[in-house]
Protein backbone atom coordinates (compact mmCIF):
# COMPACT_ATOMS: atom_id res chain seq x y z
CA MET A 1 103.74 171.77 226.00
CA ALA A 2 102.21 168.34 224.71
CA ILE A 3 99.21 167.74 222.69
CA GLY A 4 96.17 168.40 225.19
CA ASP A 5 97.99 170.48 227.26
CA VAL A 6 96.01 173.71 228.42
CA THR A 7 97.99 176.59 229.94
CA PRO A 8 96.11 179.76 231.58
CA SER A 9 97.95 182.73 230.02
CA GLU A 10 98.24 186.51 229.93
CA LEU A 11 97.82 186.83 226.27
CA CYS A 12 98.54 190.50 226.08
CA LEU A 13 99.38 193.62 227.93
CA ALA A 14 99.61 196.70 225.55
CA ALA A 15 99.01 200.39 225.38
CA LEU A 16 96.36 201.41 222.72
CA GLY A 17 96.51 203.97 220.20
CA ILE A 18 94.46 205.67 217.48
CA THR A 19 95.39 203.31 214.84
CA ALA A 20 94.22 199.76 214.97
CA ALA A 21 96.86 197.14 215.87
CA THR A 22 96.91 193.54 216.45
CA VAL A 23 97.36 192.66 220.18
CA ILE A 24 97.17 188.85 219.98
CA THR A 25 98.09 186.46 217.31
CA ASN A 26 97.43 182.77 217.72
CA ALA A 27 100.72 180.68 217.95
CA GLY A 28 99.85 178.69 214.82
CA ALA A 29 98.14 175.40 213.57
CA SER A 30 99.36 173.46 216.52
CA TYR A 31 97.61 175.73 218.97
CA ARG A 32 94.10 177.02 219.92
CA THR A 33 93.69 179.93 221.95
CA GLN A 34 90.62 180.96 224.02
CA ALA A 35 90.49 184.62 225.14
CA THR A 36 88.11 184.62 228.34
CA GLN A 37 88.47 188.19 229.58
CA ILE A 38 89.49 191.38 228.26
CA PHE A 39 90.39 194.15 230.73
CA ILE A 40 90.66 197.83 229.44
CA ALA A 41 91.66 200.66 231.45
CA ASN A 42 91.67 204.42 230.94
CA THR A 43 94.48 206.21 232.80
CA GLY A 44 93.54 209.57 231.26
CA ALA A 45 91.25 212.50 232.29
CA SER A 46 88.97 212.19 229.34
CA GLN A 47 86.39 209.49 228.31
CA ARG A 48 87.74 207.16 225.67
CA THR A 49 85.95 204.93 223.09
CA ILE A 50 87.48 201.60 222.31
CA THR A 51 86.99 199.37 219.06
CA LEU A 52 87.90 195.63 219.06
CA TYR A 53 88.84 193.48 215.87
CA LYS A 54 89.00 189.92 215.11
CA ASN A 55 90.96 188.34 212.28
CA GLY A 56 92.29 191.63 210.71
CA ILE A 57 92.06 195.33 211.75
CA ALA A 58 89.86 196.36 208.68
CA THR A 59 86.42 197.80 209.28
CA THR A 60 84.98 194.62 208.22
CA ASN A 61 86.64 192.92 211.09
CA ILE A 62 85.03 194.96 213.93
CA ILE A 63 83.45 192.71 216.52
CA ALA A 64 82.84 195.44 219.21
CA SER A 65 82.77 199.18 218.73
CA SER A 66 81.72 202.22 220.81
CA ILE A 67 83.03 200.65 224.12
CA VAL A 68 83.04 203.71 226.22
CA ILE A 69 85.65 203.84 229.06
CA PRO A 70 85.07 206.82 231.46
CA ALA A 71 87.99 209.01 232.49
CA GLY A 72 90.05 207.02 235.08
CA GLY A 73 87.71 204.01 234.60
CA SER A 74 87.90 200.55 233.23
CA VAL A 75 85.88 197.71 231.90
CA ILE A 76 86.02 193.97 232.01
CA ILE A 77 84.54 191.94 229.28
CA ASP A 78 83.84 188.21 229.52
CA THR A 79 84.21 186.64 226.27
CA LYS A 80 84.82 183.31 224.68
CA LEU A 81 86.72 184.43 221.61
CA ILE A 82 88.55 181.39 219.80
CA LEU A 83 91.54 181.73 217.71
CA THR A 84 93.02 179.16 215.53
CA GLY A 85 95.84 179.08 212.93
CA THR A 86 97.10 182.66 213.02
CA GLN A 87 93.83 184.41 213.73
CA THR A 88 94.18 187.61 215.61
CA ILE A 89 92.54 190.22 218.06
CA GLY A 90 93.13 193.97 217.37
CA ALA A 91 92.06 197.11 219.09
CA LYS A 92 92.37 200.90 219.00
CA GLN A 93 91.02 203.93 220.91
CA ASP A 94 89.49 207.02 219.56
CA VAL A 95 91.83 209.57 220.74
CA GLY A 96 95.32 209.52 222.48
CA THR A 97 97.25 206.67 223.97
CA ASP A 98 96.05 206.34 227.51
CA CYS A 99 94.11 203.27 227.69
CA ASN A 100 95.74 199.83 228.16
CA ILE A 101 94.36 196.47 227.20
CA ALA A 102 95.09 192.96 229.02
CA ILE A 103 93.63 190.01 227.71
CA TYR A 104 93.62 186.73 229.67
CA GLY A 105 92.68 183.23 228.47
CA ILE A 106 94.01 179.67 227.89
CA VAL A 107 96.19 178.28 225.32
CA GLU A 108 95.66 174.59 224.09
CA GLN A 109 98.14 172.54 222.12
CA ILE A 110 96.13 170.60 219.58
CA ALA A 111 98.77 169.03 217.34
């Protein structure tokens, strides 16, 4: 990549658990990442509740909570979350390990 290049990207594809975990870390000071869509799928037979975090996985970093995903259901969240430096997005589910998260967006080289 060269300065100014913008690349559409799959930023993450991961299974969620009950412990908050980082699913994306921006590539560093030379890059800016914009998460534009978050897909969450529940492959289980019970409803799940998802929590999303930005710039850490502490309670003070929660940006969305109580995202309910029905059994066998999914949700698509349109967003414009910007990550610079080594900023992160994290996620967890309330019980089990039957939800998957995929985040898509663009990565821009800025330096």
